[in-house]
């Protein structure tokens, strides 16, 4: 199969997705939603100087936040996978189990 998707199709799909997100979050689509998103990502003092670079700094911070969120999620999944592997190794291979006694009413 040949999935030959052009840039125009990808850009249109991204625009529709952004409008859908803006409609969900801010209740409006179009320039008002874009302005609200830009105001949400606006950096605070002293990182908003000069004002020409403020949108670039806000965008870079948002991308860095998404990147770090991805690192955290992947770290958590690696931790959980290693714990499952360790539990399997201890229980199935070595026969070590930990049983907790049930609490008895006094």
PDB file of N, CA and C in Angstrom:
ATOM      1  N   UNK A   1       0.829  -1.182   0.000  1.00  0.00           N
ATOM      2  CA  UNK A   1       0.000   0.000   0.000  1.00  0.00           C
ATOM      3  C   UNK A   1       0.871   1.243   0.000  1.00  0.00           C
ATOM      4  N   UNK A   2       0.444   2.212  -0.717  1.00  0.00           N
ATOM      5  CA  UNK A   2       1.181   3.460  -0.792  1.00  0.00           C
ATOM      6  C   UNK A   2       0.347   4.561  -0.150  1.00  0.00           C
ATOM      7  N   UNK A   3       0.807   5.042   1.004  1.00  0.00           N
ATOM      8  CA  UNK A   3       0.121   6.128   1.688  1.00  0.00           C
ATOM      9  C   UNK A   3       0.851   7.417   1.376  1.00  0.00           C
ATOM     10  N   UNK A   4       0.509   8.010   0.271  1.00  0.00           N
ATOM     11  CA  UNK A   4       1.168   9.238  -0.161  1.00  0.00           C
ATOM     12  C   UNK A   4       0.264  10.410   0.203  1.00  0.00           C
ATOM     13  N   UNK A   5       0.531  11.002   1.375  1.00  0.00           N
ATOM     14  CA  UNK A   5      -0.270  12.120   1.858  1.00  0.00           C
ATOM     15  C   UNK A   5       0.525  13.397   1.653  1.00  0.00           C
ATOM     16  N   UNK A   6      -0.090  14.381   1.050  1.00  0.00           N
ATOM     17  CA  UNK A   6       0.587  15.638   0.808  1.00  0.00           C
ATOM     18  C   UNK A   6       0.573  16.544   2.023  1.00  0.00           C
ATOM     19  N   UNK A   7       1.423  17.554   1.977  1.00  0.00           N
ATOM     20  CA  UNK A   7       1.515  18.512   3.086  1.00  0.00           C
ATOM     21  C   UNK A   7       0.225  19.282   3.273  1.00  0.00           C
ATOM     22  N   UNK A   8      -0.461  19.565   2.184  1.00  0.00           N
ATOM     23  CA  UNK A   8      -1.710  20.325   2.283  1.00  0.00           C
ATOM     24  C   UNK A   8      -2.771  19.538   3.045  1.00  0.00           C
ATOM     25  N   UNK A   9      -2.822  18.232   2.814  1.00  0.00           N
ATOM     26  CA  UNK A   9      -3.789  17.390   3.513  1.00  0.00           C
ATOM     27  C   UNK A   9      -3.445  17.329   4.994  1.00  0.00           C
ATOM     28  N   UNK A  10      -2.158  17.180   5.312  1.00  0.00           N
ATOM     29  CA  UNK A  10      -1.729  17.151   6.711  1.00  0.00           C
ATOM     30  C   UNK A  10      -2.011  18.473   7.415  1.00  0.00           C
ATOM     31  N   UNK A  11      -1.748  19.584   6.722  1.00  0.00           N
ATOM     32  CA  UNK A  11      -1.997  20.896   7.312  1.00  0.00           C
ATOM     33  C   UNK A  11      -3.488  21.104   7.559  1.00  0.00           C
ATOM     34  N   UNK A  12      -4.320  20.667   6.633  1.00  0.00           N
ATOM     35  CA  UNK A  12      -5.760  20.812   6.805  1.00  0.00           C
ATOM     36  C   UNK A  12      -6.254  19.951   7.977  1.00  0.00           C
ATOM     37  N   UNK A  13      -5.722  18.743   8.107  1.00  0.00           N
ATOM     38  CA  UNK A  13      -6.110  17.878   9.222  1.00  0.00           C
ATOM     39  C   UNK A  13      -5.661  18.467  10.549  1.00  0.00           C
ATOM     40  N   UNK A  14      -4.451  19.038  10.586  1.00  0.00           N
ATOM     41  CA  UNK A  14      -3.967  19.672  11.813  1.00  0.00           C
ATOM     42  C   UNK A  14      -4.810  20.886  12.164  1.00  0.00           C
ATOM     43  N   UNK A  15      -5.216  21.655  11.167  1.00  0.00           N
ATOM     44  CA  UNK A  15      -6.052  22.824  11.411  1.00  0.00           C
ATOM     45  C   UNK A  15      -7.415  22.420  11.977  1.00  0.00           C
ATOM     46  N   UNK A  16      -8.002  21.338  11.417  1.00  0.00           N
ATOM     47  CA  UNK A  16      -9.282  20.859  11.921  1.00  0.00           C
ATOM     48  C   UNK A  16      -9.153  20.358  13.356  1.00  0.00           C
ATOM     49  N   UNK A  17      -8.053  19.663  13.644  1.00  0.00           N
ATOM     50  CA  UNK A  17      -7.842  19.169  15.007  1.00  0.00           C
ATOM     51  C   UNK A  17      -7.656  20.327  15.973  1.00  0.00           C
ATOM     52  N   UNK A  18      -6.899  21.348  15.574  1.00  0.00           N
ATOM     53  CA  UNK A  18      -6.691  22.513  16.434  1.00  0.00           C
ATOM     54  C   UNK A  18      -8.001  23.258  16.670  1.00  0.00           C
ATOM     55  N   UNK A  19      -8.832  23.380  15.638  1.00  0.00           N
ATOM     56  CA  UNK A  19     -10.131  24.026  15.807  1.00  0.00           C
ATOM     57  C   UNK A  19     -11.036  23.216  16.735  1.00  0.00           C
ATOM     58  N   UNK A  20     -10.959  21.888  16.646  1.00  0.00           N
ATOM     59  CA  UNK A  20     -11.770  21.052  17.529  1.00  0.00           C
ATOM     60  C   UNK A  20     -11.327  21.197  18.982  1.00  0.00           C
ATOM     61  N   UNK A  21     -10.017  21.229  19.207  1.00  0.00           N
ATOM     62  CA  UNK A  21      -9.500  21.412  20.562  1.00  0.00           C
ATOM     63  C   UNK A  21      -9.878  22.792  21.086  1.00  0.00           C
ATOM     64  N   UNK A  22      -9.740  23.801  20.241  1.00  0.00           N
ATOM     65  CA  UNK A  22     -10.083  25.157  20.658  1.00  0.00           C
ATOM     66  C   UNK A  22     -11.569  25.268  20.975  1.00  0.00           C
ATOM     67  N   UNK A  23     -12.400  24.596  20.193  1.00  0.00           N
ATOM     68  CA  UNK A  23     -13.837  24.629  20.454  1.00  0.00           C
ATOM     69  C   UNK A  23     -14.158  23.943  21.783  1.00  0.00           C
ATOM     70  N   UNK A  24     -13.488  22.840  22.058  1.00  0.00           N
ATOM     71  CA  UNK A  24     -13.725  22.123  23.307  1.00  0.00           C
ATOM     72  C   UNK A  24     -13.265  22.941  24.509  1.00  0.00           C
ATOM     73  N   UNK A  25     -12.069  23.529  24.433  1.00  0.00           N
ATOM     74  CA  UNK A  25     -11.483  24.225  25.575  1.00  0.00           C
ATOM     75  C   UNK A  25     -12.046  25.620  25.777  1.00  0.00           C
ATOM     76  N   UNK A  26     -12.208  26.356  24.704  1.00  0.00           N
ATOM     77  CA  UNK A  26     -12.548  27.769  24.820  1.00  0.00           C
ATOM     78  C   UNK A  26     -13.939  28.108  24.307  1.00  0.00           C
ATOM     79  N   UNK A  27     -14.645  27.151  23.753  1.00  0.00           N
ATOM     80  CA  UNK A  27     -16.011  27.364  23.326  1.00  0.00           C
ATOM     81  C   UNK A  27     -16.152  28.153  22.042  1.00  0.00           C
ATOM     82  N   UNK A  28     -15.090  28.410  21.349  1.00  0.00           N
ATOM     83  CA  UNK A  28     -15.175  29.149  20.093  1.00  0.00           C
ATOM     84  C   UNK A  28     -14.066  28.681  19.172  1.00  0.00           C
ATOM     85  N   UNK A  29     -14.320  28.762  17.891  1.00  0.00           N
ATOM     86  CA  UNK A  29     -13.299  28.417  16.914  1.00  0.00           C
ATOM     87  C   UNK A  29     -12.906  29.673  16.160  1.00  0.00           C
ATOM     88  N   UNK A  30     -11.727  29.664  15.599  1.00  0.00           N
ATOM     89  CA  UNK A  30     -11.285  30.785  14.797  1.00  0.00           C
ATOM     90  C   UNK A  30     -10.254  31.636  15.507  1.00  0.00           C
ATOM     91  N   UNK A  31     -10.150  32.906  15.110  1.00  0.00           N
ATOM     92  CA  UNK A  31      -9.113  33.781  15.654  1.00  0.00           C
ATOM     93  C   UNK A  31      -9.222  34.016  17.160  1.00  0.00           C
ATOM     94  N   UNK A  32     -10.430  34.044  17.691  1.00  0.00           N
ATOM     95  CA  UNK A  32     -10.583  34.253  19.134  1.00  0.00           C
ATOM     96  C   UNK A  32      -9.967  33.095  19.910  1.00  0.00           C
ATOM     97  N   UNK A  33     -10.135  31.875  19.413  1.00  0.00           N
ATOM     98  CA  UNK A  33      -9.560  30.710  20.080  1.00  0.00           C
ATOM     99  C   UNK A  33      -8.043  30.723  19.987  1.00  0.00           C
ATOM    100  N   UNK A  34      -7.522  31.121  18.840  1.00  0.00           N
ATOM    101  CA  UNK A  34      -6.067  31.199  18.681  1.00  0.00           C
ATOM    102  C   UNK A  34      -5.497  32.242  19.636  1.00  0.00           C
ATOM    103  N   UNK A  35      -6.169  33.360  19.774  1.00  0.00           N
ATOM    104  CA  UNK A  35      -5.723  34.400  20.703  1.00  0.00           C
ATOM    105  C   UNK A  35      -5.753  33.888  22.141  1.00  0.00           C
ATOM    106  N   UNK A  36      -6.780  33.127  22.488  1.00  0.00           N
ATOM    107  CA  UNK A  36      -6.865  32.581  23.847  1.00  0.00           C
ATOM    108  C   UNK A  36      -5.744  31.583  24.105  1.00  0.00           C
ATOM    109  N   UNK A  37      -5.428  30.762  23.120  1.00  0.00           N
ATOM    110  CA  UNK A  37      -4.340  29.794  23.283  1.00  0.00           C
ATOM    111  C   UNK A  37      -3.006  30.508  23.406  1.00  0.00           C
ATOM    112  N   UNK A  38      -2.807  31.556  22.616  1.00  0.00           N
ATOM    113  CA  UNK A  38      -1.553  32.315  22.691  1.00  0.00           C
ATOM    114  C   UNK A  38      -1.437  33.005  24.046  1.00  0.00           C
ATOM    115  N   UNK A  39      -2.527  33.543  24.560  1.00  0.00           N
ATOM    116  CA  UNK A  39      -2.492  34.170  25.875  1.00  0.00           C
ATOM    117  C   UNK A  39      -2.208  33.144  26.973  1.00  0.00           C
ATOM    118  N   UNK A  40      -2.678  31.910  26.775  1.00  0.00           N
ATOM    119  CA  UNK A  40      -2.416  30.848  27.743  1.00  0.00           C
ATOM    120  C   UNK A  40      -0.939  30.487  27.782  1.00  0.00           C
ATOM    121  N   UNK A  41      -0.257  30.553  26.634  1.00  0.00           N
ATOM    122  CA  UNK A  41       1.151  30.167  26.545  1.00  0.00           C
ATOM    123  C   UNK A  41       2.090  31.360  26.678  1.00  0.00           C
ATOM    124  N   UNK A  42       1.563  32.522  27.050  1.00  0.00           N
ATOM    125  CA  UNK A  42       2.402  33.722  27.149  1.00  0.00           C
ATOM    126  C   UNK A  42       3.329  33.611  28.361  1.00  0.00           C
ATOM    127  N   UNK A  43       4.625  33.833  28.175  1.00  0.00           N
ATOM    128  CA  UNK A  43       5.555  33.754  29.307  1.00  0.00           C
ATOM    129  C   UNK A  43       5.402  34.950  30.249  1.00  0.00           C
ATOM    130  N   UNK A  44       5.847  34.749  31.476  1.00  0.00           N
ATOM    131  CA  UNK A  44       5.762  35.796  32.489  1.00  0.00           C
ATOM    132  C   UNK A  44       7.085  36.544  32.567  1.00  0.00           C
ATOM    133  N   UNK A  45       7.073  37.629  33.345  1.00  0.00           N
ATOM    134  CA  UNK A  45       8.259  38.454  33.524  1.00  0.00           C
ATOM    135  C   UNK A  45       9.352  37.633  34.201  1.00  0.00           C
ATOM    136  N   UNK A  46      10.562  37.645  33.861  1.00  0.00           N
ATOM    137  CA  UNK A  46      11.314  38.449  32.907  1.00  0.00           C
ATOM    138  C   UNK A  46      11.444  37.807  31.531  1.00  0.00           C
ATOM    139  N   UNK A  47      10.766  36.663  31.291  1.00  0.00           N
ATOM    140  CA  UNK A  47      10.938  35.948  30.030  1.00  0.00           C
ATOM    141  C   UNK A  47      10.113  36.518  28.893  1.00  0.00           C
ATOM    142  N   UNK A  48       9.316  37.554  29.162  1.00  0.00           N
ATOM    143  CA  UNK A  48       8.506  38.150  28.102  1.00  0.00           C
ATOM    144  C   UNK A  48       9.196  39.339  27.443  1.00  0.00           C
ATOM    145  N   UNK A  49      10.460  39.545  27.730  1.00  0.00           N
ATOM    146  CA  UNK A  49      11.204  40.657  27.136  1.00  0.00           C
ATOM    147  C   UNK A  49      12.267  40.109  26.199  1.00  0.00           C
ATOM    148  N   UNK A  50      12.478  40.610  25.039  1.00  0.00           N
ATOM    149  CA  UNK A  50      11.660  41.569  24.307  1.00  0.00           C
ATOM    150  C   UNK A  50      10.362  40.928  23.824  1.00  0.00           C
ATOM    151  N   UNK A  51       9.371  41.733  23.633  1.00  0.00           N
ATOM    152  CA  UNK A  51       8.038  41.230  23.303  1.00  0.00           C
ATOM    153  C   UNK A  51       7.998  40.523  21.950  1.00  0.00           C
ATOM    154  N   UNK A  52       8.983  40.794  21.097  1.00  0.00           N
ATOM    155  CA  UNK A  52       9.040  40.134  19.801  1.00  0.00           C
ATOM    156  C   UNK A  52       9.298  38.629  19.966  1.00  0.00           C
ATOM    157  N   UNK A  53      10.110  38.241  20.955  1.00  0.00           N
ATOM    158  CA  UNK A  53      10.464  36.841  21.151  1.00  0.00           C
ATOM    159  C   UNK A  53       9.548  36.110  22.133  1.00  0.00           C
ATOM    160  N   UNK A  54       8.616  36.808  22.759  1.00  0.00           N
ATOM    161  CA  UNK A  54       7.749  36.194  23.763  1.00  0.00           C
ATOM    162  C   UNK A  54       6.946  35.017  23.202  1.00  0.00           C
ATOM    163  N   UNK A  55       6.325  35.110  22.020  1.00  0.00           N
ATOM    164  CA  UNK A  55       5.605  33.938  21.497  1.00  0.00           C
ATOM    165  C   UNK A  55       6.532  32.758  21.212  1.00  0.00           C
ATOM    166  N   UNK A  56       7.734  33.041  20.753  1.00  0.00           N
ATOM    167  CA  UNK A  56       8.691  31.974  20.485  1.00  0.00           C
ATOM    168  C   UNK A  56       9.107  31.281  21.779  1.00  0.00           C
ATOM    169  N   UNK A  57       9.325  32.051  22.832  1.00  0.00           N
ATOM    170  CA  UNK A  57       9.694  31.486  24.127  1.00  0.00           C
ATOM    171  C   UNK A  57       8.532  30.670  24.690  1.00  0.00           C
ATOM    172  N   UNK A  58       7.316  31.176  24.557  1.00  0.00           N
ATOM    173  CA  UNK A  58       6.144  30.430  25.025  1.00  0.00           C
ATOM    174  C   UNK A  58       5.966  29.128  24.277  1.00  0.00           C
ATOM    175  N   UNK A  59       6.162  29.147  22.966  1.00  0.00           N
ATOM    176  CA  UNK A  59       6.049  27.941  22.161  1.00  0.00           C
ATOM    177  C   UNK A  59       7.147  26.943  22.524  1.00  0.00           C
ATOM    178  N   UNK A  60       8.366  27.427  22.713  1.00  0.00           N
ATOM    179  CA  UNK A  60       9.465  26.544  23.093  1.00  0.00           C
ATOM    180  C   UNK A  60       9.209  25.922  24.462  1.00  0.00           C
ATOM    181  N   UNK A  61       8.664  26.687  25.383  1.00  0.00           N
ATOM    182  CA  UNK A  61       8.356  26.151  26.708  1.00  0.00           C
ATOM    183  C   UNK A  61       7.249  25.101  26.634  1.00  0.00           C
ATOM    184  N   UNK A  62       6.249  25.328  25.796  1.00  0.00           N
ATOM    185  CA  UNK A  62       5.175  24.344  25.647  1.00  0.00           C
ATOM    186  C   UNK A  62       5.702  23.053  25.034  1.00  0.00           C
ATOM    187  N   UNK A  63       6.560  23.165  24.038  1.00  0.00           N
ATOM    188  CA  UNK A  63       7.152  21.971  23.422  1.00  0.00           C
ATOM    189  C   UNK A  63       8.044  21.244  24.421  1.00  0.00           C
ATOM    190  N   UNK A  64       8.823  21.987  25.200  1.00  0.00           N
ATOM    191  CA  UNK A  64       9.667  21.358  26.219  1.00  0.00           C
ATOM    192  C   UNK A  64       8.818  20.664  27.275  1.00  0.00           C
ATOM    193  N   UNK A  65       7.703  21.275  27.655  1.00  0.00           N
ATOM    194  CA  UNK A  65       6.807  20.637  28.617  1.00  0.00           C
ATOM    195  C   UNK A  65       6.229  19.340  28.079  1.00  0.00           C
ATOM    196  N   UNK A  66       5.825  19.338  26.814  1.00  0.00           N
ATOM    197  CA  UNK A  66       5.314  18.111  26.208  1.00  0.00           C
ATOM    198  C   UNK A  66       6.395  17.043  26.110  1.00  0.00           C
ATOM    199  N   UNK A  67       7.611  17.465  25.770  1.00  0.00           N
ATOM    200  CA  UNK A  67       8.726  16.525  25.685  1.00  0.00           C
ATOM    201  C   UNK A  67       9.015  15.912  27.054  1.00  0.00           C
ATOM    202  N   UNK A  68       9.053  16.723  28.090  1.00  0.00           N
ATOM    203  CA  UNK A  68       9.326  16.216  29.428  1.00  0.00           C
ATOM    204  C   UNK A  68       8.186  15.348  29.943  1.00  0.00           C
ATOM    205  N   UNK A  69       6.959  15.648  29.554  1.00  0.00           N
ATOM    206  CA  UNK A  69       5.839  14.786  29.912  1.00  0.00           C
ATOM    207  C   UNK A  69       5.989  13.415  29.263  1.00  0.00           C
ATOM    208  N   UNK A  70       6.421  13.406  28.024  1.00  0.00           N
ATOM    209  CA  UNK A  70       6.669  12.133  27.345  1.00  0.00           C
ATOM    210  C   UNK A  70       7.779  11.335  28.004  1.00  0.00           C
ATOM    211  N   UNK A  71       8.830  12.016  28.440  1.00  0.00           N
ATOM    212  CA  UNK A  71       9.916  11.333  29.140  1.00  0.00           C
ATOM    213  C   UNK A  71       9.409  10.736  30.448  1.00  0.00           C
ATOM    214  N   UNK A  72       8.592  11.480  31.179  1.00  0.00           N
ATOM    215  CA  UNK A  72       8.065  10.984  32.451  1.00  0.00           C
ATOM    216  C   UNK A  72       7.150   9.779  32.241  1.00  0.00           C
ATOM    217  N   UNK A  73       6.287   9.842  31.232  1.00  0.00           N
ATOM    218  CA  UNK A  73       5.377   8.726  30.968  1.00  0.00           C
ATOM    219  C   UNK A  73       6.150   7.491  30.532  1.00  0.00           C
ATOM    220  N   UNK A  74       7.153   7.673  29.678  1.00  0.00           N
ATOM    221  CA  UNK A  74       7.938   6.521  29.252  1.00  0.00           C
ATOM    222  C   UNK A  74       8.755   5.951  30.401  1.00  0.00           C
ATOM    223  N   UNK A  75       9.245   6.791  31.302  1.00  0.00           N
ATOM    224  CA  UNK A  75       9.959   6.299  32.477  1.00  0.00           C
ATOM    225  C   UNK A  75       9.038   5.490  33.371  1.00  0.00           C
ATOM    226  N   UNK A  76       7.825   5.987  33.552  1.00  0.00           N
ATOM    227  CA  UNK A  76       6.865   5.261  34.379  1.00  0.00           C
ATOM    228  C   UNK A  76       6.523   3.908  33.762  1.00  0.00           C
ATOM    229  N   UNK A  77       6.341   3.882  32.450  1.00  0.00           N
ATOM    230  CA  UNK A  77       6.022   2.607  31.806  1.00  0.00           C
ATOM    231  C   UNK A  77       7.202   1.643  31.886  1.00  0.00           C
ATOM    232  N   UNK A  78       8.434   2.141  31.783  1.00  0.00           N
ATOM    233  CA  UNK A  78       9.609   1.278  31.933  1.00  0.00           C
ATOM    234  C   UNK A  78       9.709   0.742  33.358  1.00  0.00           C
ATOM    235  N   UNK A  79       9.405   1.584  34.340  1.00  0.00           N
ATOM    236  CA  UNK A  79       9.416   1.136  35.733  1.00  0.00           C
ATOM    237  C   UNK A  79       8.377   0.039  35.963  1.00  0.00           C
ATOM    238  N   UNK A  80       7.165   0.244  35.468  1.00  0.00           N
ATOM    239  CA  UNK A  80       6.114  -0.756  35.650  1.00  0.00           C
ATOM    240  C   UNK A  80       6.452  -2.061  34.933  1.00  0.00           C
ATOM    241  N   UNK A  81       7.024  -1.965  33.751  1.00  0.00           N
ATOM    242  CA  UNK A  81       7.408  -3.171  33.017  1.00  0.00           C
ATOM    243  C   UNK A  81       8.503  -3.933  33.756  1.00  0.00           C
ATOM    244  N   UNK A  82       9.471  -3.214  34.314  1.00  0.00           N
ATOM    245  CA  UNK A  82      10.533  -3.900  35.053  1.00  0.00           C
ATOM    246  C   UNK A  82      10.002  -4.519  36.340  1.00  0.00           C
ATOM    247  N   UNK A  83       9.044  -3.870  37.010  1.00  0.00           N
ATOM    248  CA  UNK A  83       8.460  -4.460  38.211  1.00  0.00           C
ATOM    249  C   UNK A  83       7.644  -5.709  37.892  1.00  0.00           C
ATOM    250  N   UNK A  84       6.930  -5.699  36.791  1.00  0.00           N
ATOM    251  CA  UNK A  84       6.193  -6.891  36.372  1.00  0.00           C
ATOM    252  C   UNK A  84       7.161  -8.021  36.061  1.00  0.00           C
ATOM    253  N   UNK A  85       8.246  -7.708  35.378  1.00  0.00           N
ATOM    254  CA  UNK A  85       9.265  -8.717  35.084  1.00  0.00           C
ATOM    255  C   UNK A  85       9.911  -9.265  36.342  1.00  0.00           C
ATOM    256  N   UNK A  86      10.212  -8.396  37.286  1.00  0.00           N
ATOM    257  CA  UNK A  86      10.799  -8.831  38.549  1.00  0.00           C
ATOM    258  C   UNK A  86       9.827  -9.704  39.333  1.00  0.00           C
ATOM    259  N   UNK A  87       8.553  -9.307  39.360  1.00  0.00           N
ATOM    260  CA  UNK A  87       7.549 -10.118  40.041  1.00  0.00           C
ATOM    261  C   UNK A  87       7.409 -11.488  39.412  1.00  0.00           C
ATOM    262  N   UNK A  88       7.424 -11.544  38.083  1.00  0.00           N
ATOM    263  CA  UNK A  88       7.361 -12.831  37.393  1.00  0.00           C
ATOM    264  C   UNK A  88       8.576 -13.680  37.726  1.00  0.00           C
ATOM    265  N   UNK A  89       9.741 -13.082  37.708  1.00  0.00           N
ATOM    266  CA  UNK A  89      10.970 -13.806  38.002  1.00  0.00           C
ATOM    267  C   UNK A  89      10.961 -14.359  39.427  1.00  0.00           C
ATOM    268  N   UNK A  90      10.582 -13.534  40.383  1.00  0.00           N
ATOM    269  CA  UNK A  90      10.577 -13.985  41.772  1.00  0.00           C
ATOM    270  C   UNK A  90       9.514 -15.060  42.028  1.00  0.00           C
ATOM    271  N   UNK A  91       8.317 -14.877  41.464  1.00  0.00           N
ATOM    272  CA  UNK A  91       7.223 -15.801  41.749  1.00  0.00           C
ATOM    273  C   UNK A  91       7.336 -17.099  40.962  1.00  0.00           C
ATOM    274  N   UNK A  92       7.617 -17.023  39.676  1.00  0.00           N
ATOM    275  CA  UNK A  92       7.589 -18.216  38.825  1.00  0.00           C
ATOM    276  C   UNK A  92       8.911 -18.979  38.816  1.00  0.00           C
ATOM    277  N   UNK A  93      10.019 -18.255  38.836  1.00  0.00           N
ATOM    278  CA  UNK A  93      11.311 -18.929  38.721  1.00  0.00           C
ATOM    279  C   UNK A  93      11.848 -19.340  40.083  1.00  0.00           C
ATOM    280  N   UNK A  94      11.833 -18.413  41.043  1.00  0.00           N
ATOM    281  CA  UNK A  94      12.399 -18.704  42.353  1.00  0.00           C
ATOM    282  C   UNK A  94      11.364 -19.148  43.377  1.00  0.00           C
ATOM    283  N   UNK A  95      10.091 -18.987  43.090  1.00  0.00           N
ATOM    284  CA  UNK A  95       9.051 -19.435  43.993  1.00  0.00           C
ATOM    285  C   UNK A  95       8.885 -18.582  45.236  1.00  0.00           C
ATOM    286  N   UNK A  96       9.324 -17.354  45.182  1.00  0.00           N
ATOM    287  CA  UNK A  96       9.202 -16.451  46.327  1.00  0.00           C
ATOM    288  C   UNK A  96       7.893 -15.679  46.202  1.00  0.00           C
ATOM    289  N   UNK A  97       7.062 -15.792  47.217  1.00  0.00           N
ATOM    290  CA  UNK A  97       5.821 -15.036  47.232  1.00  0.00           C
ATOM    291  C   UNK A  97       5.717 -14.300  48.549  1.00  0.00           C
ATOM    292  N   UNK A  98       4.990 -13.226  48.545  1.00  0.00           N
ATOM    293  CA  UNK A  98       4.735 -12.454  49.753  1.00  0.00           C
ATOM    294  C   UNK A  98       3.239 -12.474  49.989  1.00  0.00           C
ATOM    295  N   UNK A  99       2.843 -13.060  51.090  1.00  0.00           N
ATOM    296  CA  UNK A  99       1.429 -13.139  51.444  1.00  0.00           C
ATOM    297  C   UNK A  99       1.176 -12.255  52.641  1.00  0.00           C
ATOM    298  N   UNK A 100       0.132 -11.483  52.573  1.00  0.00           N
ATOM    299  CA  UNK A 100      -0.269 -10.638  53.662  1.00  0.00           C
ATOM    300  C   UNK A 100      -1.422 -11.288  54.391  1.00  0.00           C
ATOM    301  N   UNK A 101      -1.313 -11.375  55.729  1.00  0.00           N
ATOM    302  CA  UNK A 101      -2.389 -11.957  56.522  1.00  0.00           C
ATOM    303  C   UNK A 101      -3.575 -11.012  56.516  1.00  0.00           C
ATOM    304  N   UNK A 102      -4.752 -11.597  56.480  1.00  0.00           N
ATOM    305  CA  UNK A 102      -5.949 -10.776  56.520  1.00  0.00           C
ATOM    306  C   UNK A 102      -6.166 -10.259  57.931  1.00  0.00           C
ATOM    307  N   UNK A 103      -6.683  -9.072  58.012  1.00  0.00           N
ATOM    308  CA  UNK A 103      -6.950  -8.488  59.307  1.00  0.00           C
ATOM    309  C   UNK A 103      -8.162  -9.160  59.939  1.00  0.00           C
ATOM    310  N   UNK A 104      -8.047  -9.493  61.189  1.00  0.00           N
ATOM    311  CA  UNK A 104      -9.155 -10.099  61.912  1.00  0.00           C
ATOM    312  C   UNK A 104      -9.827  -9.034  62.773  1.00  0.00           C
ATOM    313  N   UNK A 105     -11.148  -9.056  62.833  1.00  0.00           N
ATOM    314  CA  UNK A 105     -11.822  -8.065  63.686  1.00  0.00           C
ATOM    315  C   UNK A 105     -11.502  -8.341  65.160  1.00  0.00           C
ATOM    316  N   UNK A 106     -11.266  -7.250  65.881  1.00  0.00           N
ATOM    317  CA  UNK A 106     -10.890  -7.386  67.298  1.00  0.00           C
ATOM    318  C   UNK A 106     -12.068  -7.635  68.190  1.00  0.00           C
TER     319      UNK A 106
END
